[in-house]
Amino acid sequence: MKRFTVSFGVMMSVFIVCGLAYAAGVRLNTTPSIPVGVYRLTNDSIVKGAYVLFCPPPAAVFDMAKTRGYLGAGFCPGGYGHLMKKILAVQDDVVAIGTDGVRVNGQLLPLSAPIKFDGGGRPLPDYKASWALGRSEVLVMSDSNSGSFDGRYFGPIQRSQIESVIRPVFTW
């Protein structure tokens, strides 16, 4: 009985500490879309180069991503989990998504070439477009993982979908 009491106490302590950290704005990133690690929510401005936490909009491409496990279930509209990405294009940037990758203002972004199939051999969306981003749009992507499910497959998101700019506390 004593062992159960100690184990239960340890579990409750961990649960309480995790809950307090979450309430204080601490978030854990476990995917390689941005550096893996601990982040905190901020009130920083939404600017090019910032890491952001956002809710994907309800759309068929995100339904597919959830079904295939590219994003988890969560409390965002559509039952999606939050995503963490880096803003690589903002208002007035000219974005072109093609077979060779994503270009922003004519510059090809590293690691941005879309792949045709995921690790399970399933086809990925073939999103091709060229446009100048409007005031409410941003392009979110990974600049460190060529296999990330990001803007090269779903295009821009609305600024209103961004819940917070996040800053790394500790990454590995």
Protein backbone atom coordinates (compact mmCIF):
# COMPACT_ATOMS: atom_id res chain seq x y z
CA MET A 1 0.00 0.00 0.00
CA LYS A 2 2.84 2.36 0.83
CA ARG A 3 4.38 1.86 -2.66
CA PHE A 4 1.04 2.77 -4.27
CA THR A 5 0.74 5.92 -2.16
CA VAL A 6 4.25 7.07 -3.11
CA SER A 7 3.70 6.32 -6.83
CA PHE A 8 0.36 8.09 -6.79
CA GLY A 9 1.91 11.10 -5.05
CA VAL A 10 4.73 11.30 -7.61
CA MET A 11 2.25 11.01 -10.51
CA MET A 12 0.03 13.74 -9.06
CA SER A 13 3.05 16.00 -8.52
CA VAL A 14 4.17 15.55 -12.14
CA PHE A 15 0.61 16.20 -13.33
CA ILE A 16 0.35 19.38 -11.27
CA VAL A 17 3.77 20.68 -12.41
CA CYS A 18 2.88 20.01 -16.08
CA GLY A 19 -0.49 21.73 -15.65
CA LEU A 20 1.12 24.79 -14.05
CA ALA A 21 3.75 24.96 -16.81
CA TYR A 22 1.02 24.77 -19.47
CA ALA A 23 -0.99 27.50 -17.72
CA ALA A 24 2.17 29.64 -17.62
CA GLY A 25 2.53 29.35 -21.42
CA VAL A 26 5.12 26.59 -21.67
CA ARG A 27 4.76 24.29 -24.68
CA LEU A 28 6.73 21.22 -25.75
CA ASN A 29 7.59 20.66 -29.41
CA THR A 30 8.35 17.03 -30.23
CA THR A 31 8.43 17.28 -34.05
CA PRO A 32 11.39 18.35 -36.22
CA SER A 33 9.43 21.10 -38.06
CA ILE A 34 11.15 23.54 -35.74
CA PRO A 35 13.90 22.65 -33.27
CA VAL A 36 12.66 20.05 -30.78
CA GLY A 37 12.39 21.47 -27.30
CA VAL A 38 10.57 23.63 -24.81
CA TYR A 39 8.97 26.91 -25.95
CA ARG A 40 7.02 29.66 -24.24
CA LEU A 41 4.13 31.72 -25.52
CA THR A 42 4.89 35.43 -25.98
CA ASN A 43 3.16 38.65 -26.93
CA ASP A 44 5.78 39.31 -29.62
CA SER A 45 4.68 40.66 -33.00
CA ILE A 46 3.89 38.29 -35.85
CA VAL A 47 6.87 38.90 -38.15
CA LYS A 48 8.90 37.03 -40.72
CA GLY A 49 11.29 34.65 -38.98
CA ALA A 50 9.13 34.15 -35.87
CA TYR A 51 8.12 30.73 -34.64
CA VAL A 52 4.36 30.50 -34.15
CA LEU A 53 1.75 28.25 -32.59
CA PHE A 54 -1.41 28.11 -34.71
CA CYS A 55 -4.64 26.25 -35.31
CA PRO A 56 -5.00 24.83 -38.81
CA PRO A 57 -8.28 25.85 -40.46
CA PRO A 58 -10.94 23.19 -41.05
CA ALA A 59 -10.10 21.90 -44.54
CA ALA A 60 -9.81 18.61 -46.41
CA VAL A 61 -5.99 18.82 -46.49
CA PHE A 62 -5.88 19.02 -42.68
CA ASP A 63 -8.45 16.23 -42.33
CA MET A 64 -6.08 14.09 -44.40
CA ALA A 65 -3.11 15.20 -42.28
CA LYS A 66 -4.94 14.29 -39.07
CA THR A 67 -6.01 10.90 -40.44
CA ARG A 68 -2.45 10.11 -41.52
CA GLY A 69 -0.92 11.29 -38.24
CA TYR A 70 0.90 14.37 -39.58
CA LEU A 71 -0.90 16.36 -36.89
CA GLY A 72 -2.63 15.21 -33.77
CA ALA A 73 -6.11 15.65 -32.45
CA GLY A 74 -6.73 18.66 -30.28
CA PHE A 75 -8.95 21.56 -29.38
CA CYS A 76 -8.64 23.60 -32.59
CA PRO A 77 -11.65 23.85 -34.92
CA GLY A 78 -12.03 20.58 -36.81
CA GLY A 79 -10.62 18.70 -33.82
CA TYR A 80 -7.04 19.40 -34.94
CA GLY A 81 -4.07 19.85 -32.68
CA HIS A 82 -1.91 22.96 -32.80
CA LEU A 83 1.01 23.22 -35.19
CA MET A 84 4.33 25.00 -34.65
CA LYS A 85 6.11 26.44 -37.69
CA LYS A 86 8.29 29.36 -38.72
CA ILE A 87 6.92 32.33 -40.67
CA LEU A 88 8.89 32.52 -43.93
CA ALA A 89 6.75 35.03 -45.87
CA VAL A 90 4.48 37.94 -44.93
CA GLN A 91 2.41 40.70 -46.54
CA ASP A 92 3.61 41.77 -50.02
CA ASP A 93 6.09 38.89 -50.31
CA VAL A 94 5.69 37.08 -53.62
CA VAL A 95 5.43 33.34 -53.04
CA ALA A 96 5.69 30.67 -55.73
CA ILE A 97 5.23 27.01 -54.86
CA GLY A 98 6.38 24.66 -57.61
CA THR A 99 8.00 21.30 -58.22
CA ASP A 100 11.47 22.66 -57.38
CA GLY A 101 10.37 24.13 -54.05
CA VAL A 102 9.08 27.35 -52.54
CA ARG A 103 10.37 30.71 -53.68
CA VAL A 104 9.89 33.89 -51.69
CA ASN A 105 10.61 37.04 -53.69
CA GLY A 106 12.44 34.91 -56.25
CA GLN A 107 14.73 33.18 -53.73
CA LEU A 108 14.41 29.39 -53.46
CA LEU A 109 14.03 28.41 -49.82
CA PRO A 110 16.35 25.63 -48.61
CA LEU A 111 14.74 22.25 -47.94
CA SER A 112 11.47 23.42 -49.55
CA ALA A 113 11.11 20.99 -52.46
CA PRO A 114 7.81 19.14 -52.02
CA ILE A 115 8.01 15.40 -51.83
CA LYS A 116 5.52 13.31 -53.77
CA PHE A 117 4.90 10.54 -51.22
CA ASP A 118 4.99 10.28 -47.43
CA GLY A 119 6.90 7.59 -45.53
CA GLY A 120 3.96 5.22 -46.00
CA GLY A 121 4.01 5.59 -49.79
CA ARG A 122 0.83 7.70 -49.82
CA PRO A 123 0.67 10.65 -52.22
CA LEU A 124 1.04 14.12 -50.72
CA PRO A 125 -0.96 17.13 -51.92
CA ASP A 126 0.38 18.66 -55.13
CA TYR A 127 -0.06 22.33 -54.24
CA LYS A 128 1.22 24.74 -56.87
CA ALA A 129 0.53 28.45 -56.81
CA SER A 130 2.07 31.88 -57.21
CA TRP A 131 0.76 35.01 -55.50
CA ALA A 132 1.62 38.09 -53.43
CA LEU A 133 0.61 37.60 -49.81
CA GLY A 134 -2.14 39.86 -48.53
CA ARG A 135 -2.24 41.73 -45.23
CA SER A 136 -3.90 38.85 -43.38
CA GLU A 137 -1.75 36.03 -44.82
CA VAL A 138 1.53 34.40 -43.79
CA LEU A 139 3.38 31.40 -45.13
CA VAL A 140 4.46 28.99 -42.39
CA MET A 141 7.03 26.31 -43.06
CA SER A 142 9.98 24.45 -41.70
CA ASP A 143 13.41 25.71 -42.63
CA SER A 144 15.12 22.74 -41.00
CA ASN A 145 13.18 19.66 -42.16
CA SER A 146 12.55 18.78 -45.81
CA GLY A 147 9.88 16.28 -44.75
CA SER A 148 7.70 18.71 -42.78
CA PHE A 149 3.98 18.97 -43.51
CA ASP A 150 3.79 22.72 -44.04
CA GLY A 151 2.83 25.56 -46.38
CA ARG A 152 4.27 23.82 -49.44
CA TYR A 153 1.29 21.42 -49.17
CA PHE A 154 -1.47 23.76 -47.95
CA GLY A 155 -0.50 27.31 -48.89
CA PRO A 156 -0.80 30.36 -46.62
CA ILE A 157 -2.65 30.63 -43.33
CA GLN A 158 -4.48 33.62 -41.92
CA ARG A 159 -2.85 35.68 -39.18
CA SER A 160 -6.03 35.17 -37.16
CA GLN A 161 -5.19 31.45 -36.89
CA ILE A 162 -1.98 32.25 -35.01
CA GLU A 163 -2.49 31.92 -31.28
CA SER A 164 0.96 33.08 -30.25
CA VAL A 165 4.50 33.75 -31.28
CA ILE A 166 6.64 31.24 -29.40
CA ARG A 167 10.24 31.54 -28.25
CA PRO A 168 12.56 28.64 -27.48
CA VAL A 169 13.47 28.14 -23.84
CA PHE A 170 15.55 25.01 -24.34
CA THR A 171 16.07 23.05 -27.57
CA TRP A 172 18.07 19.98 -28.50
